Amino acid sequence: MKNNKFLSFLCILVYAFLFLPLIIIAVTAFGGESYIAFPPKSFSVKWFLNIFNSETFMKTLGTSLKVSFTATIIALVLGVPAAYSLSRFEFKGKGILKNFFFSPVIIPGIVVGFSLFQFIIIKLRLPIMASLLIGHTIVIIPYIIRVIGSSLEGFDYAIEEAAMSLGASKIETFFKVVFPNITSGVIAAFMLAFINSFNDVPVSIFLTGPGVSTLPISMMSYVEYNYDPTVSALSVLLMIMTIVVMYVVEKTLGLSYFSK
């Protein structure tokens, strides 16, 4: 009984550590003062209106959504075949290749961002949007490979063999048998990759330039010079957007499928 109480107490501490900052942000977003105060002395929604009146936030939001969505699609196109090959075939250097794909996660983001800056911006002189797409794709592709690879490892290879023995080609087997059975993993990988791309700062800060920025960087720049609750209000909107997406996925697909 004592152990159970101790574990319950630890769980409460962990949840408090995770959720109290979010609660504080949500409360301060509705403060009427021109500075962040907790608890707020008055109530106001003007900071939410301030977001939509800010051309910088609206423009960078559009850039972040565009870059994150496009980079995630590219990462899926590259990551699904890579995950399939790593899970189904045995070849020399497989372990090294796996480590190479996961290296953007292992190496600190600042190092990855600076390396990409030196190669893509300085040497190749690519446009900023193209650089952002390449950088974000490199950063999120390990999540695609890891999640989809887990789904493929849980899928019985005998079903594929049965399909091929009945005359289906490898490509037909993949799209008609394998892919429909790993759809939940693909959706989970898409969500995880998209969120990580959208929230990325270390890589984006090196690859952005004049006239092109992402929302997280704009939020950091705003906080540097302003201390009003606008960023808190924007954080609340982003949290609501994430909750809505998760709710829609739960109702249409079911998050329980992601653990399979």
C-alpha atoms as a PDB file:
ATOM      1  CA  MET A   1       0.000   0.000   0.000  1.00  0.00           C
ATOM      2  CA  LYS A   2       2.843   2.383   0.850  1.00  0.00           C
ATOM      3  CA  ASN A   3       4.469   1.691  -2.506  1.00  0.00           C
ATOM      4  CA  ASN A   4       1.182   2.373  -4.304  1.00  0.00           C
ATOM      5  CA  LYS A   5       0.760   5.685  -2.483  1.00  0.00           C
ATOM      6  CA  PHE A   6       4.328   6.653  -3.271  1.00  0.00           C
ATOM      7  CA  LEU A   7       3.855   5.825  -6.970  1.00  0.00           C
ATOM      8  CA  SER A   8       0.592   7.778  -7.032  1.00  0.00           C
ATOM      9  CA  PHE A   9       2.350  10.745  -5.457  1.00  0.00           C
ATOM     10  CA  LEU A  10       5.112  10.542  -8.083  1.00  0.00           C
ATOM     11  CA  CYS A  11       2.517  10.382 -10.872  1.00  0.00           C
ATOM     12  CA  ILE A  12       0.791  13.477  -9.496  1.00  0.00           C
ATOM     13  CA  LEU A  13       4.143  15.308  -9.388  1.00  0.00           C
ATOM     14  CA  VAL A  14       4.937  14.341 -12.984  1.00  0.00           C
ATOM     15  CA  TYR A  15       1.509  15.427 -14.245  1.00  0.00           C
ATOM     16  CA  ALA A  16       1.762  18.662 -12.280  1.00  0.00           C
ATOM     17  CA  PHE A  17       5.197  19.325 -13.772  1.00  0.00           C
ATOM     18  CA  LEU A  18       3.796  18.776 -17.269  1.00  0.00           C
ATOM     19  CA  PHE A  19       0.462  20.566 -17.014  1.00  0.00           C
ATOM     20  CA  LEU A  20       1.013  23.455 -14.584  1.00  0.00           C
ATOM     21  CA  PRO A  21       3.075  25.493 -17.109  1.00  0.00           C
ATOM     22  CA  LEU A  22       0.322  24.984 -19.698  1.00  0.00           C
ATOM     23  CA  ILE A  23      -2.320  26.117 -17.204  1.00  0.00           C
ATOM     24  CA  ILE A  24      -0.268  29.197 -16.316  1.00  0.00           C
ATOM     25  CA  ILE A  25       0.104  30.073 -20.015  1.00  0.00           C
ATOM     26  CA  ALA A  26      -3.626  29.612 -20.603  1.00  0.00           C
ATOM     27  CA  VAL A  27      -4.529  31.840 -17.647  1.00  0.00           C
ATOM     28  CA  THR A  28      -2.067  34.610 -18.508  1.00  0.00           C
ATOM     29  CA  ALA A  29      -3.402  34.703 -22.092  1.00  0.00           C
ATOM     30  CA  PHE A  30      -6.650  36.221 -20.771  1.00  0.00           C
ATOM     31  CA  GLY A  31      -4.989  38.878 -18.628  1.00  0.00           C
ATOM     32  CA  GLY A  32      -5.958  42.494 -19.186  1.00  0.00           C
ATOM     33  CA  GLU A  33      -2.577  43.951 -18.220  1.00  0.00           C
ATOM     34  CA  SER A  34       0.000  44.981 -20.796  1.00  0.00           C
ATOM     35  CA  TYR A  35       2.450  42.550 -19.212  1.00  0.00           C
ATOM     36  CA  ILE A  36       2.327  38.853 -18.301  1.00  0.00           C
ATOM     37  CA  ALA A  37       0.901  38.477 -14.815  1.00  0.00           C
ATOM     38  CA  PHE A  38      -0.174  35.374 -12.893  1.00  0.00           C
ATOM     39  CA  PRO A  39      -2.786  35.449 -11.632  1.00  0.00           C
ATOM     40  CA  PRO A  40      -4.104  38.246 -13.912  1.00  0.00           C
ATOM     41  CA  LYS A  41      -5.790  41.218 -12.253  1.00  0.00           C
ATOM     42  CA  SER A  42      -8.353  41.661 -15.027  1.00  0.00           C
ATOM     43  CA  PHE A  43      -9.884  39.697 -17.915  1.00  0.00           C
ATOM     44  CA  SER A  44      -9.460  40.471 -21.620  1.00  0.00           C
ATOM     45  CA  VAL A  45      -9.392  38.746 -25.016  1.00  0.00           C
ATOM     46  CA  LYS A  46      -7.593  41.600 -26.782  1.00  0.00           C
ATOM     47  CA  TRP A  47      -4.365  39.590 -27.007  1.00  0.00           C
ATOM     48  CA  PHE A  48      -6.112  37.002 -29.162  1.00  0.00           C
ATOM     49  CA  LEU A  49      -7.264  39.783 -31.464  1.00  0.00           C
ATOM     50  CA  ASN A  50      -3.714  41.110 -31.466  1.00  0.00           C
ATOM     51  CA  ILE A  51      -2.554  37.840 -33.051  1.00  0.00           C
ATOM     52  CA  PHE A  52      -4.859  38.186 -36.044  1.00  0.00           C
ATOM     53  CA  ASN A  53      -3.979  41.857 -36.410  1.00  0.00           C
ATOM     54  CA  SER A  54      -0.272  41.008 -36.565  1.00  0.00           C
ATOM     55  CA  GLU A  55       0.908  40.653 -40.151  1.00  0.00           C
ATOM     56  CA  THR A  56       4.108  38.971 -38.952  1.00  0.00           C
ATOM     57  CA  PHE A  57       2.318  36.202 -37.062  1.00  0.00           C
ATOM     58  CA  MET A  58      -0.139  35.542 -39.884  1.00  0.00           C
ATOM     59  CA  LYS A  59       2.586  35.453 -42.525  1.00  0.00           C
ATOM     60  CA  THR A  60       4.929  33.213 -40.543  1.00  0.00           C
ATOM     61  CA  LEU A  61       2.028  30.933 -39.596  1.00  0.00           C
ATOM     62  CA  GLY A  62       1.346  30.404 -43.295  1.00  0.00           C
ATOM     63  CA  THR A  63       5.053  29.757 -43.931  1.00  0.00           C
ATOM     64  CA  SER A  64       5.266  27.247 -41.067  1.00  0.00           C
ATOM     65  CA  LEU A  65       2.179  25.357 -42.232  1.00  0.00           C
ATOM     66  CA  LYS A  66       3.405  25.292 -45.828  1.00  0.00           C
ATOM     67  CA  VAL A  67       6.931  24.150 -44.949  1.00  0.00           C
ATOM     68  CA  SER A  68       5.816  21.597 -42.352  1.00  0.00           C
ATOM     69  CA  PHE A  69       3.149  20.020 -44.564  1.00  0.00           C
ATOM     70  CA  THR A  70       5.361  19.857 -47.674  1.00  0.00           C
ATOM     71  CA  ALA A  71       8.391  18.570 -45.748  1.00  0.00           C
ATOM     72  CA  THR A  72       6.262  15.883 -44.088  1.00  0.00           C
ATOM     73  CA  ILE A  73       4.894  14.699 -47.441  1.00  0.00           C
ATOM     74  CA  ILE A  74       8.438  14.539 -48.869  1.00  0.00           C
ATOM     75  CA  ALA A  75       9.653  12.709 -45.753  1.00  0.00           C
ATOM     76  CA  LEU A  76       6.821  10.176 -46.143  1.00  0.00           C
ATOM     77  CA  VAL A  77       7.657   9.575 -49.809  1.00  0.00           C
ATOM     78  CA  LEU A  78      11.298   8.956 -48.859  1.00  0.00           C
ATOM     79  CA  GLY A  79      10.745   7.354 -45.473  1.00  0.00           C
ATOM     80  CA  VAL A  80       8.148   4.683 -46.311  1.00  0.00           C
ATOM     81  CA  PRO A  81      10.363   2.839 -48.843  1.00  0.00           C
ATOM     82  CA  ALA A  82      13.358   3.249 -46.503  1.00  0.00           C
ATOM     83  CA  ALA A  83      11.415   1.832 -43.538  1.00  0.00           C
ATOM     84  CA  TYR A  84      10.149  -1.062 -45.674  1.00  0.00           C
ATOM     85  CA  SER A  85      13.659  -1.908 -46.878  1.00  0.00           C
ATOM     86  CA  LEU A  86      15.131  -1.758 -43.380  1.00  0.00           C
ATOM     87  CA  SER A  87      12.402  -3.974 -41.928  1.00  0.00           C
ATOM     88  CA  ARG A  88      12.136  -6.561 -44.712  1.00  0.00           C
ATOM     89  CA  PHE A  89      15.609  -6.986 -46.215  1.00  0.00           C
ATOM     90  CA  GLU A  90      18.934  -8.064 -44.779  1.00  0.00           C
ATOM     91  CA  PHE A  91      22.030  -6.525 -46.384  1.00  0.00           C
ATOM     92  CA  LYS A  92      25.556  -5.517 -45.511  1.00  0.00           C
ATOM     93  CA  GLY A  93      25.787  -2.230 -43.681  1.00  0.00           C
ATOM     94  CA  LYS A  94      22.139  -2.250 -42.576  1.00  0.00           C
ATOM     95  CA  GLY A  95      23.051  -1.205 -39.034  1.00  0.00           C
ATOM     96  CA  ILE A  96      25.192   1.680 -40.278  1.00  0.00           C
ATOM     97  CA  LEU A  97      22.399   2.831 -42.582  1.00  0.00           C
ATOM     98  CA  LYS A  98      19.898   2.732 -39.698  1.00  0.00           C
ATOM     99  CA  ASN A  99      22.195   4.849 -37.546  1.00  0.00           C
ATOM    100  CA  PHE A 100      22.673   7.266 -40.456  1.00  0.00           C
ATOM    101  CA  PHE A 101      18.908   7.752 -40.806  1.00  0.00           C
ATOM    102  CA  PHE A 102      18.556   8.379 -37.069  1.00  0.00           C
ATOM    103  CA  SER A 103      21.582  10.703 -36.842  1.00  0.00           C
ATOM    104  CA  PRO A 104      19.543  13.965 -37.114  1.00  0.00           C
ATOM    105  CA  VAL A 105      17.816  12.975 -33.859  1.00  0.00           C
ATOM    106  CA  ILE A 106      21.019  11.966 -32.065  1.00  0.00           C
ATOM    107  CA  ILE A 107      23.038  15.040 -33.089  1.00  0.00           C
ATOM    108  CA  PRO A 108      22.071  18.328 -31.363  1.00  0.00           C
ATOM    109  CA  GLY A 109      19.752  20.495 -33.458  1.00  0.00           C
ATOM    110  CA  ILE A 110      22.158  23.455 -33.323  1.00  0.00           C
ATOM    111  CA  VAL A 111      24.883  21.319 -34.917  1.00  0.00           C
ATOM    112  CA  VAL A 112      22.520  20.038 -37.624  1.00  0.00           C
ATOM    113  CA  GLY A 113      21.268  23.558 -38.331  1.00  0.00           C
ATOM    114  CA  PHE A 114      24.763  25.051 -38.579  1.00  0.00           C
ATOM    115  CA  SER A 115      25.952  22.184 -40.817  1.00  0.00           C
ATOM    116  CA  LEU A 116      22.988  22.644 -43.144  1.00  0.00           C
ATOM    117  CA  PHE A 117      23.579  26.391 -43.158  1.00  0.00           C
ATOM    118  CA  GLN A 118      27.199  25.914 -44.234  1.00  0.00           C
ATOM    119  CA  PHE A 119      26.325  23.403 -46.955  1.00  0.00           C
ATOM    120  CA  ILE A 120      22.924  24.514 -48.282  1.00  0.00           C
ATOM    121  CA  ILE A 121      23.086  28.290 -47.852  1.00  0.00           C
ATOM    122  CA  ILE A 122      26.805  29.076 -48.133  1.00  0.00           C
ATOM    123  CA  LYS A 123      28.000  26.479 -50.653  1.00  0.00           C
ATOM    124  CA  LEU A 124      24.928  25.581 -52.710  1.00  0.00           C
ATOM    125  CA  ARG A 125      23.313  29.045 -52.377  1.00  0.00           C
ATOM    126  CA  LEU A 126      19.803  27.594 -52.532  1.00  0.00           C
ATOM    127  CA  PRO A 127      16.713  29.802 -51.989  1.00  0.00           C
ATOM    128  CA  ILE A 128      15.460  30.111 -48.417  1.00  0.00           C
ATOM    129  CA  MET A 129      12.229  28.132 -48.939  1.00  0.00           C
ATOM    130  CA  ALA A 130      14.085  25.282 -50.646  1.00  0.00           C
ATOM    131  CA  SER A 131      16.639  25.291 -47.817  1.00  0.00           C
ATOM    132  CA  LEU A 132      13.894  25.145 -45.187  1.00  0.00           C
ATOM    133  CA  LEU A 133      12.215  22.223 -46.967  1.00  0.00           C
ATOM    134  CA  ILE A 134      15.462  20.269 -47.186  1.00  0.00           C
ATOM    135  CA  GLY A 135      16.371  21.010 -43.576  1.00  0.00           C
ATOM    136  CA  HIS A 136      12.960  20.094 -42.174  1.00  0.00           C
ATOM    137  CA  THR A 137      12.794  16.911 -44.262  1.00  0.00           C
ATOM    138  CA  ILE A 138      16.170  15.787 -42.919  1.00  0.00           C
ATOM    139  CA  VAL A 139      15.137  16.521 -39.334  1.00  0.00           C
ATOM    140  CA  ILE A 140      11.776  14.685 -39.417  1.00  0.00           C
ATOM    141  CA  ILE A 141      12.591  11.684 -41.611  1.00  0.00           C
ATOM    142  CA  PRO A 142      13.899   9.639 -38.617  1.00  0.00           C
ATOM    143  CA  TYR A 143      10.446   9.890 -37.001  1.00  0.00           C
ATOM    144  CA  ILE A 144       8.843   8.623 -40.214  1.00  0.00           C
ATOM    145  CA  ILE A 145      11.209   5.662 -40.467  1.00  0.00           C
ATOM    146  CA  ARG A 146      10.949   4.754 -36.776  1.00  0.00           C
ATOM    147  CA  VAL A 147       7.140   4.832 -36.524  1.00  0.00           C
ATOM    148  CA  ILE A 148       6.402   3.180 -39.877  1.00  0.00           C
ATOM    149  CA  GLY A 149       9.201   0.677 -39.284  1.00  0.00           C
ATOM    150  CA  SER A 150       7.519  -0.353 -36.023  1.00  0.00           C
ATOM    151  CA  SER A 151       4.211  -0.832 -37.867  1.00  0.00           C
ATOM    152  CA  LEU A 152       5.910  -2.957 -40.536  1.00  0.00           C
ATOM    153  CA  GLU A 153       7.654  -5.133 -37.975  1.00  0.00           C
ATOM    154  CA  GLY A 154       4.272  -5.880 -36.419  1.00  0.00           C
ATOM    155  CA  PHE A 155       2.811  -6.886 -39.785  1.00  0.00           C
ATOM    156  CA  ASP A 156       3.022 -10.598 -40.625  1.00  0.00           C
ATOM    157  CA  TYR A 157       5.312 -11.161 -43.601  1.00  0.00           C
ATOM    158  CA  ALA A 158       3.451 -14.397 -44.401  1.00  0.00           C
ATOM    159  CA  ILE A 159       0.512 -12.303 -45.680  1.00  0.00           C
ATOM    160  CA  GLU A 160       2.805 -10.667 -48.210  1.00  0.00           C
ATOM    161  CA  GLU A 161       4.167 -14.053 -49.286  1.00  0.00           C
ATOM    162  CA  ALA A 162       0.621 -15.330 -49.721  1.00  0.00           C
ATOM    163  CA  ALA A 163      -0.265 -12.375 -51.949  1.00  0.00           C
ATOM    164  CA  MET A 164       2.848 -12.832 -54.092  1.00  0.00           C
ATOM    165  CA  SER A 165       2.245 -16.586 -54.369  1.00  0.00           C
ATOM    166  CA  LEU A 166      -1.191 -15.778 -55.808  1.00  0.00           C
ATOM    167  CA  GLY A 167       0.384 -13.746 -58.602  1.00  0.00           C
ATOM    168  CA  ALA A 168       0.650 -10.225 -57.200  1.00  0.00           C
ATOM    169  CA  SER A 169       3.849  -8.316 -57.915  1.00  0.00           C
ATOM    170  CA  LYS A 170       5.874  -6.768 -55.088  1.00  0.00           C
ATOM    171  CA  ILE A 171       4.523  -3.298 -55.880  1.00  0.00           C
ATOM    172  CA  GLU A 172       0.915  -4.567 -56.013  1.00  0.00           C
ATOM    173  CA  THR A 173       1.453  -6.442 -52.757  1.00  0.00           C
ATOM    174  CA  PHE A 174       2.745  -3.334 -51.055  1.00  0.00           C
ATOM    175  CA  PHE A 175      -0.080  -1.023 -52.145  1.00  0.00           C
ATOM    176  CA  LYS A 176      -2.934  -3.552 -51.889  1.00  0.00           C
ATOM    177  CA  VAL A 177      -1.862  -5.591 -48.859  1.00  0.00           C
ATOM    178  CA  VAL A 178       0.874  -3.898 -46.832  1.00  0.00           C
ATOM    179  CA  PHE A 179      -0.040  -0.210 -47.037  1.00  0.00           C
ATOM    180  CA  PRO A 180      -3.716  -0.607 -45.984  1.00  0.00           C
ATOM    181  CA  ASN A 181      -2.539  -2.475 -42.885  1.00  0.00           C
ATOM    182  CA  ILE A 182      -0.033   0.177 -41.806  1.00  0.00           C
ATOM    183  CA  THR A 183      -2.276   3.193 -42.460  1.00  0.00           C
ATOM    184  CA  SER A 184      -2.541   3.955 -38.753  1.00  0.00           C
ATOM    185  CA  GLY A 185       1.253   3.975 -38.476  1.00  0.00           C
ATOM    186  CA  VAL A 186       1.526   6.287 -41.489  1.00  0.00           C
ATOM    187  CA  ILE A 187      -0.971   8.716 -39.948  1.00  0.00           C
ATOM    188  CA  ALA A 188       0.839   8.592 -36.605  1.00  0.00           C
ATOM    189  CA  ALA A 189       4.161   9.208 -38.365  1.00  0.00           C
ATOM    190  CA  PHE A 190       2.636  12.117 -40.304  1.00  0.00           C
ATOM    191  CA  MET A 191       1.315  13.754 -37.129  1.00  0.00           C
ATOM    192  CA  LEU A 192       4.567  13.295 -35.199  1.00  0.00           C
ATOM    193  CA  ALA A 193       6.706  14.553 -38.083  1.00  0.00           C
ATOM    194  CA  PHE A 194       4.421  17.507 -38.815  1.00  0.00           C
ATOM    195  CA  ILE A 195       4.366  18.661 -35.180  1.00  0.00           C
ATOM    196  CA  ASN A 196       8.160  18.370 -34.877  1.00  0.00           C
ATOM    197  CA  SER A 197       8.637  20.273 -38.121  1.00  0.00           C
ATOM    198  CA  PHE A 198       6.156  22.978 -37.148  1.00  0.00           C
ATOM    199  CA  ASN A 199       7.818  23.507 -33.754  1.00  0.00           C
ATOM    200  CA  ASP A 200      11.415  23.299 -34.969  1.00  0.00           C
ATOM    201  CA  VAL A 201      13.670  26.193 -33.976  1.00  0.00           C
ATOM    202  CA  PRO A 202      17.380  25.124 -34.049  1.00  0.00           C
ATOM    203  CA  VAL A 203      17.398  24.204 -37.748  1.00  0.00           C
ATOM    204  CA  SER A 204      14.937  26.877 -38.899  1.00  0.00           C
ATOM    205  CA  ILE A 205      16.840  29.710 -37.252  1.00  0.00           C
ATOM    206  CA  PHE A 206      19.888  28.929 -39.415  1.00  0.00           C
ATOM    207  CA  LEU A 207      17.950  28.467 -42.656  1.00  0.00           C
ATOM    208  CA  THR A 208      15.571  31.434 -42.528  1.00  0.00           C
ATOM    209  CA  GLY A 209      16.490  34.783 -44.004  1.00  0.00           C
ATOM    210  CA  PRO A 210      15.188  38.251 -44.897  1.00  0.00           C
ATOM    211  CA  GLY A 211      11.452  38.160 -45.534  1.00  0.00           C
ATOM    212  CA  VAL A 212      11.091  34.449 -44.701  1.00  0.00           C
ATOM    213  CA  SER A 213      10.631  33.162 -41.167  1.00  0.00           C
ATOM    214  CA  THR A 214       8.640  30.552 -39.264  1.00  0.00           C
ATOM    215  CA  LEU A 215       6.123  31.043 -36.479  1.00  0.00           C
ATOM    216  CA  PRO A 216       8.278  29.698 -33.586  1.00  0.00           C
ATOM    217  CA  ILE A 217      11.102  32.076 -34.565  1.00  0.00           C
ATOM    218  CA  SER A 218       8.655  34.991 -34.786  1.00  0.00           C
ATOM    219  CA  MET A 219       7.375  34.114 -31.316  1.00  0.00           C
ATOM    220  CA  MET A 220      10.924  34.107 -29.944  1.00  0.00           C
ATOM    221  CA  SER A 221      11.669  37.465 -31.574  1.00  0.00           C
ATOM    222  CA  TYR A 222       8.435  38.943 -30.216  1.00  0.00           C
ATOM    223  CA  VAL A 223       9.182  37.824 -26.645  1.00  0.00           C
ATOM    224  CA  GLU A 224      12.651  39.352 -26.906  1.00  0.00           C
ATOM    225  CA  TYR A 225      11.222  42.848 -27.315  1.00  0.00           C
ATOM    226  CA  ASN A 226       7.697  42.554 -25.852  1.00  0.00           C
ATOM    227  CA  TYR A 227       6.401  41.158 -22.579  1.00  0.00           C
ATOM    228  CA  ASP A 228       2.661  41.296 -23.213  1.00  0.00           C
ATOM    229  CA  PRO A 229       0.477  38.122 -23.223  1.00  0.00           C
ATOM    230  CA  THR A 230       0.205  37.939 -27.039  1.00  0.00           C
ATOM    231  CA  VAL A 231       2.539  34.943 -27.225  1.00  0.00           C
ATOM    232  CA  SER A 232       0.582  33.271 -24.416  1.00  0.00           C
ATOM    233  CA  ALA A 233      -2.614  33.740 -26.425  1.00  0.00           C
ATOM    234  CA  LEU A 234      -0.940  32.335 -29.530  1.00  0.00           C
ATOM    235  CA  SER A 235       0.284  29.352 -27.510  1.00  0.00           C
ATOM    236  CA  VAL A 236      -3.276  28.707 -26.349  1.00  0.00           C
ATOM    237  CA  LEU A 237      -4.523  28.745 -29.952  1.00  0.00           C
ATOM    238  CA  LEU A 238      -1.798  26.284 -30.971  1.00  0.00           C
ATOM    239  CA  MET A 239      -2.721  24.003 -28.062  1.00  0.00           C
ATOM    240  CA  ILE A 240      -6.400  24.119 -29.070  1.00  0.00           C
ATOM    241  CA  MET A 241      -5.470  23.341 -32.673  1.00  0.00           C
ATOM    242  CA  THR A 242      -3.441  20.308 -31.539  1.00  0.00           C
ATOM    243  CA  ILE A 243      -6.261  19.069 -29.293  1.00  0.00           C
ATOM    244  CA  VAL A 244      -8.782  19.393 -32.132  1.00  0.00           C
ATOM    245  CA  VAL A 245      -6.540  17.422 -34.500  1.00  0.00           C
ATOM    246  CA  MET A 246      -6.012  14.697 -31.900  1.00  0.00           C
ATOM    247  CA  TYR A 247      -9.754  14.545 -31.205  1.00  0.00           C
ATOM    248  CA  VAL A 248     -10.592  14.215 -34.911  1.00  0.00           C
ATOM    249  CA  VAL A 249      -8.017  11.454 -35.321  1.00  0.00           C
ATOM    250  CA  GLU A 250      -9.338   9.654 -32.246  1.00  0.00           C
ATOM    251  CA  LYS A 251     -12.902   9.770 -33.529  1.00  0.00           C
ATOM    252  CA  THR A 252     -12.100   8.814 -37.119  1.00  0.00           C
ATOM    253  CA  LEU A 253      -9.318   6.281 -36.594  1.00  0.00           C
ATOM    254  CA  GLY A 254      -8.739   5.728 -32.905  1.00  0.00           C
ATOM    255  CA  LEU A 255      -5.450   6.415 -31.147  1.00  0.00           C
ATOM    256  CA  SER A 256      -5.449   2.825 -29.895  1.00  0.00           C
ATOM    257  CA  TYR A 257      -4.458   1.774 -33.406  1.00  0.00           C
ATOM    258  CA  PHE A 258      -1.223   3.728 -33.155  1.00  0.00           C
ATOM    259  CA  SER A 259       0.135   1.351 -30.535  1.00  0.00           C
ATOM    260  CA  LYS A 260      -0.263  -1.644 -32.811  1.00  0.00           C
END
